[in-house]
Amino acid sequence: MAHISSGKSRAAPGTGTDRGPDAAGPVRATGPADGTGTSDAVGTSDAAGRDGETRRTVWVALAANLVICLAKAVAGVVSGSPALLSEAAHSIADSLNEVFLLASLRRSRRPADARHPFGYGMERFFWSLLAAVGIFVTGGCFSVFQGVQAFRSGGSESHDGYVIGLLVLLLALIAEGASLVRALSQVRRSARAGGRGMAAEIREGRDPALRTVLAEDGTACVGVLLAIVGITLHLVTGNVAYEASASVLIGVLLVYVAYTLGRAARVQLIGEAADPAVRREVREFLVGQPEIDTVAALLTMRLGPDSILLAARIDLTPGYDSETVEDAMVRIRREARGRWPELDQVFLDVTDAAAAYGRTHRSDV
């Protein structure tokens, strides 16, 4: 979309080439001059509020992990329990990941500059990928290693130490459960605001930091329960295989969670389109404008949890002069931002729809 041509639109020559911010570039309305300053401020305020809530959720998870990490490590060393040591490694991984997520929340809100004209929103996806790698290496691999070592060595038993370990795990379950309830409460509020159910919000949620915390806390609760069962069966039967199996299962669970989070971060990092429902609604909105005859192509890409780039190739209805077209483009952008505040980068390219449709059209809704 490096040029604007009147094409089938039959708009006056020079349409959109003498007013946009980019000479000989797409018709694009930007900044407060187009009347969107208030909308931008409201959208930024809403996003900042969501970030603040996510930041508090991450801090709660970090505090819980630091406390129980120390307790698990001490109890694991005293008892010689592979399941407890695996859980300690799990908590270390989670603590490091919370630090990554706090960094992502801070760095992703930096304003756009000349080197990154679309902002730093994708920092969220990058740090979430690092968190997934941390879960895989520090948590999953170490847990599997501990379980295999226990199978090979036969383990060592310390009845008093194991009792202490069970008490520590019960306290960890309470702490992790409280953090999980906090994360689920935020997900519930987000789901209510988006008009969808909890399951859909967890599956389609745009905030990678919240999704990571939710996955970590849920996995931590399941891991603690596995460790409790493994240690209890070991104490009752005297067979270390139960505890070693629990350690391996914890590791496999962590590897699966890391893979799931890493796959989601990968999709977002390489350029994920907006939700199909949003693309469909935006297309219907553009087609419904009196100045637009055809939407030949509509492309979207997420630049962050609350930021979407929209590029549309459009054909105009006949009879409009260049000034009217410019005013229409500004109005369309303003109305689009009012309905979808996350559309903070909008490019409208006036082109020959008859030719462009056959050359570039794709089913994207």
Protein backbone atom coordinates (compact mmCIF):
# COMPACT_ATOMS: atom_id res chain seq x y z
CA MET A 1 0.00 0.00 0.00
CA ALA A 2 2.63 2.43 -1.04
CA HIS A 3 0.38 4.67 -3.11
CA ILE A 4 -3.12 6.01 -3.51
CA SER A 5 -4.86 5.94 -6.85
CA SER A 6 -8.31 7.13 -7.74
CA GLY A 7 -8.92 3.95 -9.82
CA LYS A 8 -12.50 2.79 -9.95
CA SER A 9 -13.40 5.27 -7.24
CA ARG A 10 -13.46 8.13 -9.74
CA ALA A 11 -12.43 10.52 -6.98
CA ALA A 12 -10.65 13.69 -8.05
CA PRO A 13 -6.99 13.32 -9.01
CA GLY A 14 -4.64 13.62 -6.08
CA THR A 15 -7.11 12.08 -3.63
CA GLY A 16 -5.40 11.59 -0.32
CA THR A 17 -1.89 12.39 -1.54
CA ASP A 18 -1.53 15.91 -0.21
CA ARG A 19 -2.89 15.73 3.32
CA GLY A 20 -1.83 12.49 5.04
CA PRO A 21 1.20 12.27 7.26
CA ASP A 22 3.01 10.17 4.68
CA ALA A 23 3.56 11.81 1.31
CA ALA A 24 2.27 9.49 -1.40
CA GLY A 25 1.22 7.05 1.33
CA PRO A 26 -2.06 5.64 2.58
CA VAL A 27 -4.85 7.94 3.68
CA ARG A 28 -4.41 7.92 7.43
CA ALA A 29 -5.87 10.14 10.12
CA THR A 30 -3.69 10.50 13.20
CA GLY A 31 -3.47 12.14 16.58
CA PRO A 32 -5.78 14.52 18.42
CA ALA A 33 -6.20 16.61 15.30
CA ASP A 34 -8.82 14.20 14.02
CA GLY A 35 -10.89 14.48 17.16
CA THR A 36 -9.82 11.19 18.70
CA GLY A 37 -7.79 12.62 21.54
CA THR A 38 -10.48 11.86 24.11
CA SER A 39 -10.96 8.34 22.83
CA ASP A 40 -7.20 7.72 22.96
CA ALA A 41 -7.07 8.96 26.54
CA VAL A 42 -9.98 6.76 27.60
CA GLY A 43 -8.50 3.69 25.91
CA THR A 44 -5.10 4.33 27.49
CA SER A 45 -6.70 4.78 30.90
CA ASP A 46 -8.62 1.49 30.58
CA ALA A 47 -5.49 -0.37 29.49
CA ALA A 48 -3.47 1.15 32.35
CA GLY A 49 -6.18 0.06 34.79
CA ARG A 50 -6.06 -3.50 33.50
CA ASP A 51 -2.27 -3.48 33.71
CA GLY A 52 -2.45 -2.26 37.29
CA GLU A 53 -4.77 -5.11 38.23
CA THR A 54 -2.56 -7.65 36.46
CA ARG A 55 0.50 -6.22 38.22
CA ARG A 56 -1.14 -6.73 41.61
CA THR A 57 -2.05 -10.30 40.65
CA VAL A 58 1.56 -11.00 39.67
CA TRP A 59 2.88 -9.51 42.93
CA VAL A 60 0.52 -11.74 44.93
CA ALA A 61 1.77 -14.80 43.02
CA LEU A 62 5.41 -13.76 43.48
CA ALA A 63 5.02 -13.28 47.25
CA ALA A 64 3.34 -16.67 47.61
CA ASN A 65 6.02 -18.42 45.54
CA LEU A 66 8.96 -16.89 47.40
CA VAL A 67 7.61 -17.95 50.80
CA ILE A 68 6.73 -21.51 49.85
CA CYS A 69 9.86 -21.94 47.72
CA LEU A 70 12.06 -21.51 50.79
CA ALA A 71 9.86 -23.79 52.88
CA LYS A 72 9.82 -26.54 50.22
CA ALA A 73 13.58 -26.37 49.71
CA VAL A 74 14.35 -26.67 53.43
CA ALA A 75 11.85 -29.49 53.91
CA GLY A 76 13.12 -31.28 50.79
CA VAL A 77 16.74 -31.19 51.96
CA VAL A 78 15.79 -32.35 55.47
CA SER A 79 13.58 -35.21 54.26
CA GLY A 80 15.47 -36.13 51.10
CA SER A 81 12.14 -36.12 49.26
CA PRO A 82 12.44 -35.93 45.44
CA ALA A 83 8.83 -34.74 45.18
CA LEU A 84 9.51 -31.87 47.59
CA LEU A 85 12.69 -30.91 45.75
CA SER A 86 10.75 -30.99 42.49
CA GLU A 87 8.15 -28.69 43.98
CA ALA A 88 10.91 -26.37 45.21
CA ALA A 89 12.29 -26.20 41.66
CA HIS A 90 8.77 -25.50 40.42
CA SER A 91 8.45 -22.57 42.84
CA ILE A 92 11.86 -21.20 41.80
CA ALA A 93 10.76 -21.28 38.16
CA ASP A 94 7.49 -19.57 39.00
CA SER A 95 9.26 -16.86 41.01
CA LEU A 96 11.63 -16.09 38.14
CA ASN A 97 8.73 -16.02 35.73
CA GLU A 98 6.84 -13.51 37.87
CA VAL A 99 9.90 -11.25 37.65
CA PHE A 100 9.81 -11.64 33.85
CA LEU A 101 6.11 -10.74 33.80
CA LEU A 102 6.62 -7.64 35.96
CA ALA A 103 9.34 -6.54 33.53
CA SER A 104 6.99 -7.10 30.59
CA LEU A 105 4.26 -4.98 32.18
CA ARG A 106 6.67 -2.09 32.70
CA ARG A 107 8.54 -2.26 29.39
CA SER A 108 5.50 -2.79 27.16
CA ARG A 109 4.00 0.56 28.19
CA ARG A 110 6.91 2.62 26.88
CA PRO A 111 5.74 5.17 24.30
CA ALA A 112 6.41 4.69 20.61
CA ASP A 113 9.59 6.24 19.24
CA ALA A 114 11.44 6.53 15.93
CA ARG A 115 12.96 3.07 16.24
CA HIS A 116 9.71 1.40 17.31
CA PRO A 117 6.95 3.50 15.71
CA PHE A 118 4.23 1.02 16.71
CA GLY A 119 5.24 0.95 20.35
CA TYR A 120 6.56 -1.81 22.59
CA GLY A 121 3.39 -3.86 23.15
CA MET A 122 5.02 -7.04 21.82
CA GLU A 123 7.37 -7.00 24.82
CA ARG A 124 4.52 -8.80 26.59
CA PHE A 125 4.75 -11.72 24.18
CA PHE A 126 8.57 -11.90 24.35
CA TRP A 127 8.75 -12.05 28.15
CA SER A 128 5.92 -14.58 28.22
CA LEU A 129 8.01 -16.77 25.91
CA LEU A 130 10.95 -16.47 28.33
CA ALA A 131 8.64 -17.47 31.18
CA ALA A 132 7.61 -20.57 29.25
CA VAL A 133 11.26 -21.49 28.70
CA GLY A 134 11.90 -20.99 32.42
CA ILE A 135 9.06 -23.34 33.34
CA PHE A 136 10.38 -25.95 30.90
CA VAL A 137 14.04 -25.87 31.99
CA THR A 138 13.98 -24.97 35.69
CA GLY A 139 10.75 -26.71 36.61
CA GLY A 140 9.96 -29.49 34.16
CA CYS A 141 13.40 -30.87 33.36
CA PHE A 142 14.63 -30.72 36.96
CA SER A 143 11.51 -32.49 38.24
CA VAL A 144 11.86 -35.33 35.74
CA PHE A 145 15.55 -35.61 36.64
CA GLN A 146 14.73 -35.84 40.36
CA GLY A 147 12.15 -38.55 39.72
CA VAL A 148 14.54 -40.63 37.58
CA GLN A 149 17.28 -40.28 40.22
CA ALA A 150 14.87 -41.48 42.90
CA PHE A 151 13.99 -44.54 40.82
CA ARG A 152 17.66 -45.38 40.35
CA SER A 153 18.86 -44.76 43.91
CA GLY A 154 15.86 -46.06 45.80
CA GLY A 155 15.60 -42.83 47.80
CA SER A 156 16.19 -42.20 51.47
CA GLU A 157 13.52 -42.02 54.09
CA SER A 158 13.16 -39.71 57.07
CA HIS A 159 9.78 -40.12 58.72
CA ASP A 160 9.91 -36.90 60.74
CA GLY A 161 11.25 -34.98 57.76
CA TYR A 162 8.47 -36.28 55.54
CA VAL A 163 5.82 -35.25 58.07
CA ILE A 164 7.29 -31.75 58.04
CA GLY A 165 7.27 -31.91 54.25
CA LEU A 166 3.59 -32.76 54.17
CA LEU A 167 2.81 -29.83 56.44
CA VAL A 168 4.82 -27.54 54.17
CA LEU A 169 2.94 -28.82 51.14
CA LEU A 170 -0.39 -28.20 52.83
CA LEU A 171 0.65 -24.60 53.55
CA ALA A 172 1.87 -24.29 49.95
CA LEU A 173 -1.48 -25.52 48.69
CA ILE A 174 -3.23 -22.81 50.72
CA ALA A 175 -0.87 -20.09 49.44
CA GLU A 176 -1.04 -21.24 45.81
CA GLY A 177 -4.80 -21.59 46.09
CA ALA A 178 -5.14 -18.01 47.32
CA SER A 179 -3.05 -16.76 44.41
CA LEU A 180 -5.12 -18.87 41.99
CA VAL A 181 -8.37 -17.43 43.38
CA ARG A 182 -6.98 -13.92 42.83
CA ALA A 183 -6.10 -14.73 39.20
CA LEU A 184 -9.47 -16.38 38.57
CA SER A 185 -11.26 -13.34 40.00
CA GLN A 186 -9.48 -11.11 37.50
CA VAL A 187 -10.32 -13.50 34.67
CA ARG A 188 -13.97 -13.49 35.75
CA ARG A 189 -14.08 -9.68 35.67
CA SER A 190 -12.43 -9.63 32.24
CA ALA A 191 -14.89 -12.24 30.97
CA ARG A 192 -17.83 -10.23 32.27
CA ALA A 193 -16.50 -7.05 30.65
CA GLY A 194 -16.01 -8.89 27.35
CA GLY A 195 -19.42 -10.54 27.48
CA ARG A 196 -18.15 -14.12 27.37
CA GLY A 197 -17.75 -17.09 29.68
CA MET A 198 -14.80 -17.98 31.89
CA ALA A 199 -13.64 -20.83 29.65
CA ALA A 200 -13.66 -18.62 26.56
CA GLU A 201 -11.79 -15.85 28.41
CA ILE A 202 -9.08 -18.26 29.58
CA ARG A 203 -8.76 -19.67 26.06
CA GLU A 204 -8.88 -16.36 24.18
CA GLY A 205 -7.59 -13.88 26.79
CA ARG A 206 -5.25 -11.29 25.29
CA ASP A 207 -3.11 -10.59 28.38
CA PRO A 208 -0.18 -13.06 28.31
CA ALA A 209 0.93 -12.05 31.82
CA LEU A 210 -2.43 -12.97 33.34
CA ARG A 211 -2.58 -16.18 31.29
CA THR A 212 0.89 -17.18 32.53
CA VAL A 213 0.06 -16.51 36.17
CA LEU A 214 -3.17 -18.47 35.85
CA ALA A 215 -1.34 -21.42 34.26
CA GLU A 216 1.42 -21.31 36.89
CA ASP A 217 -0.96 -21.17 39.86
CA GLY A 218 -3.22 -23.90 38.49
CA THR A 219 -0.24 -26.12 37.73
CA ALA A 220 1.25 -25.41 41.16
CA CYS A 221 -1.92 -26.56 42.91
CA VAL A 222 -2.03 -29.77 40.87
CA GLY A 223 1.69 -30.32 41.45
CA VAL A 224 1.35 -29.91 45.22
CA LEU A 225 -1.51 -32.44 45.26
CA LEU A 226 0.62 -34.92 43.28
CA ALA A 227 3.51 -34.45 45.70
CA ILE A 228 1.23 -34.98 48.72
CA VAL A 229 -0.16 -38.19 47.24
CA GLY A 230 3.32 -39.45 46.31
CA ILE A 231 4.83 -38.75 49.72
CA THR A 232 1.85 -40.23 51.56
CA LEU A 233 1.97 -43.46 49.56
CA HIS A 234 5.73 -43.63 50.09
CA LEU A 235 5.30 -43.34 53.86
CA VAL A 236 2.47 -45.89 53.95
CA THR A 237 4.07 -48.52 51.69
CA GLY A 238 7.76 -47.76 52.10
CA ASN A 239 8.09 -47.84 48.31
CA VAL A 240 9.86 -44.77 46.87
CA ALA A 241 8.44 -45.52 43.43
CA TYR A 242 5.23 -43.67 44.31
CA GLU A 243 7.09 -40.49 45.17
CA ALA A 244 9.45 -40.81 42.23
CA SER A 245 6.44 -41.21 39.95
CA ALA A 246 4.87 -38.09 41.44
CA SER A 247 8.07 -36.16 40.70
CA VAL A 248 8.09 -37.35 37.07
CA LEU A 249 4.40 -36.49 36.68
CA ILE A 250 5.04 -32.99 38.04
CA GLY A 251 7.83 -32.59 35.48
CA VAL A 252 5.67 -33.81 32.60
CA LEU A 253 2.89 -31.45 33.67
CA LEU A 254 5.29 -28.51 33.73
CA VAL A 255 6.70 -29.40 30.32
CA TYR A 256 3.19 -29.50 28.86
CA VAL A 257 2.26 -26.13 30.40
CA ALA A 258 5.53 -24.62 29.14
CA TYR A 259 4.80 -25.94 25.63
CA THR A 260 1.27 -24.51 25.68
CA LEU A 261 2.41 -21.07 26.87
CA GLY A 262 5.35 -21.04 24.45
CA ARG A 263 3.11 -21.92 21.50
CA ALA A 264 0.72 -19.07 22.37
CA ALA A 265 3.63 -16.61 22.67
CA ARG A 266 5.05 -17.78 19.34
CA VAL A 267 1.75 -17.18 17.54
CA GLN A 268 1.58 -13.66 18.95
CA LEU A 269 5.22 -12.82 18.25
CA ILE A 270 5.08 -13.74 14.56
CA GLY A 271 2.02 -11.52 14.00
CA GLU A 272 -1.43 -12.69 15.06
CA ALA A 273 -4.57 -11.28 13.44
CA ALA A 274 -7.35 -9.76 15.51
CA ASP A 275 -10.22 -11.98 16.59
CA PRO A 276 -12.44 -13.12 13.67
CA ALA A 277 -15.46 -11.42 15.25
CA VAL A 278 -13.59 -8.09 15.38
CA ARG A 279 -12.46 -8.43 11.76
CA ARG A 280 -15.99 -9.22 10.67
CA GLU A 281 -17.45 -6.25 12.55
CA VAL A 282 -14.81 -3.86 11.20
CA ARG A 283 -15.45 -4.99 7.63
CA GLU A 284 -19.21 -4.52 8.06
CA PHE A 285 -18.56 -1.08 9.55
CA LEU A 286 -16.39 0.01 6.61
CA VAL A 287 -18.77 -1.36 3.98
CA GLY A 288 -21.62 0.50 5.69
CA GLN A 289 -19.95 3.90 5.21
CA PRO A 290 -21.58 5.95 2.42
CA GLU A 291 -18.20 6.94 0.96
CA ILE A 292 -16.95 3.34 0.65
CA ASP A 293 -18.12 1.16 -2.22
CA THR A 294 -15.98 -1.95 -1.64
CA VAL A 295 -13.47 -3.29 0.91
CA ALA A 296 -11.04 -5.15 -1.33
CA ALA A 297 -8.77 -6.35 1.51
CA LEU A 298 -8.74 -6.03 5.28
CA LEU A 299 -5.64 -7.01 7.26
CA THR A 300 -5.12 -6.84 11.02
CA MET A 301 -2.25 -7.62 13.38
CA ARG A 302 -1.97 -7.48 17.15
CA LEU A 303 0.78 -5.14 18.33
CA GLY A 304 0.04 -5.81 22.01
CA PRO A 305 -2.76 -6.93 24.33
CA ASP A 306 -4.64 -3.67 23.72
CA SER A 307 -3.27 -2.60 20.35
CA ILE A 308 -4.30 -3.63 16.83
CA LEU A 309 -3.02 -2.45 13.45
CA LEU A 310 -5.68 -2.23 10.74
CA ALA A 311 -4.83 -1.90 7.05
CA ALA A 312 -7.74 -1.79 4.61
CA ARG A 313 -7.71 -1.46 0.83
CA ILE A 314 -10.93 0.32 -0.14
CA ASP A 315 -12.75 1.59 -3.24
CA LEU A 316 -14.82 4.78 -2.98
CA THR A 317 -18.25 5.50 -4.33
CA PRO A 318 -18.21 8.05 -7.18
CA GLY A 319 -18.75 11.76 -6.89
CA TYR A 320 -16.48 12.82 -3.99
CA ASP A 321 -13.72 15.42 -4.30
CA SER A 322 -10.37 15.11 -2.53
CA GLU A 323 -11.30 17.32 0.43
CA THR A 324 -14.47 15.36 1.10
CA VAL A 325 -12.51 12.10 0.93
CA GLU A 326 -9.96 13.39 3.44
CA ASP A 327 -12.70 14.45 5.85
CA ALA A 328 -14.40 11.09 5.42
CA MET A 329 -11.20 9.19 6.23
CA VAL A 330 -10.76 11.21 9.43
CA ARG A 331 -14.37 10.61 10.46
CA ILE A 332 -14.20 6.89 9.71
CA ARG A 333 -11.08 6.49 11.81
CA ARG A 334 -12.61 8.46 14.66
CA GLU A 335 -15.75 6.34 14.65
CA ALA A 336 -13.73 3.12 14.41
CA ARG A 337 -11.64 4.13 17.42
CA GLY A 338 -14.80 4.93 19.32
CA ARG A 339 -16.20 1.44 18.70
CA TRP A 340 -12.89 -0.46 18.99
CA PRO A 341 -10.42 1.51 21.15
CA GLU A 342 -7.69 -1.05 20.49
CA LEU A 343 -7.53 0.05 16.82
CA ASP A 344 -4.79 2.58 17.42
CA GLN A 345 -3.07 2.18 14.02
CA VAL A 346 -5.47 2.57 11.06
CA PHE A 347 -4.38 2.74 7.42
CA LEU A 348 -6.95 3.19 4.65
CA ASP A 349 -5.68 2.78 1.10
CA VAL A 350 -7.89 4.05 -1.72
CA THR A 351 -7.24 1.80 -4.70
CA ASP A 352 -8.79 0.19 -7.78
CA ALA A 353 -10.96 -2.44 -6.13
CA ALA A 354 -11.82 -4.26 -9.35
CA ALA A 355 -8.15 -5.09 -9.97
CA ALA A 356 -7.07 -5.48 -6.36
CA TYR A 357 -9.89 -7.84 -5.48
CA GLY A 358 -8.84 -10.46 -8.00
CA ARG A 359 -5.16 -10.05 -7.13
CA THR A 360 -5.10 -9.99 -3.33
CA HIS A 361 -8.50 -10.93 -1.94
CA ARG A 362 -8.49 -13.55 0.79
CA SER A 363 -11.13 -14.87 3.17
CA ASP A 364 -10.07 -13.28 6.44
CA VAL A 365 -13.34 -13.24 8.35
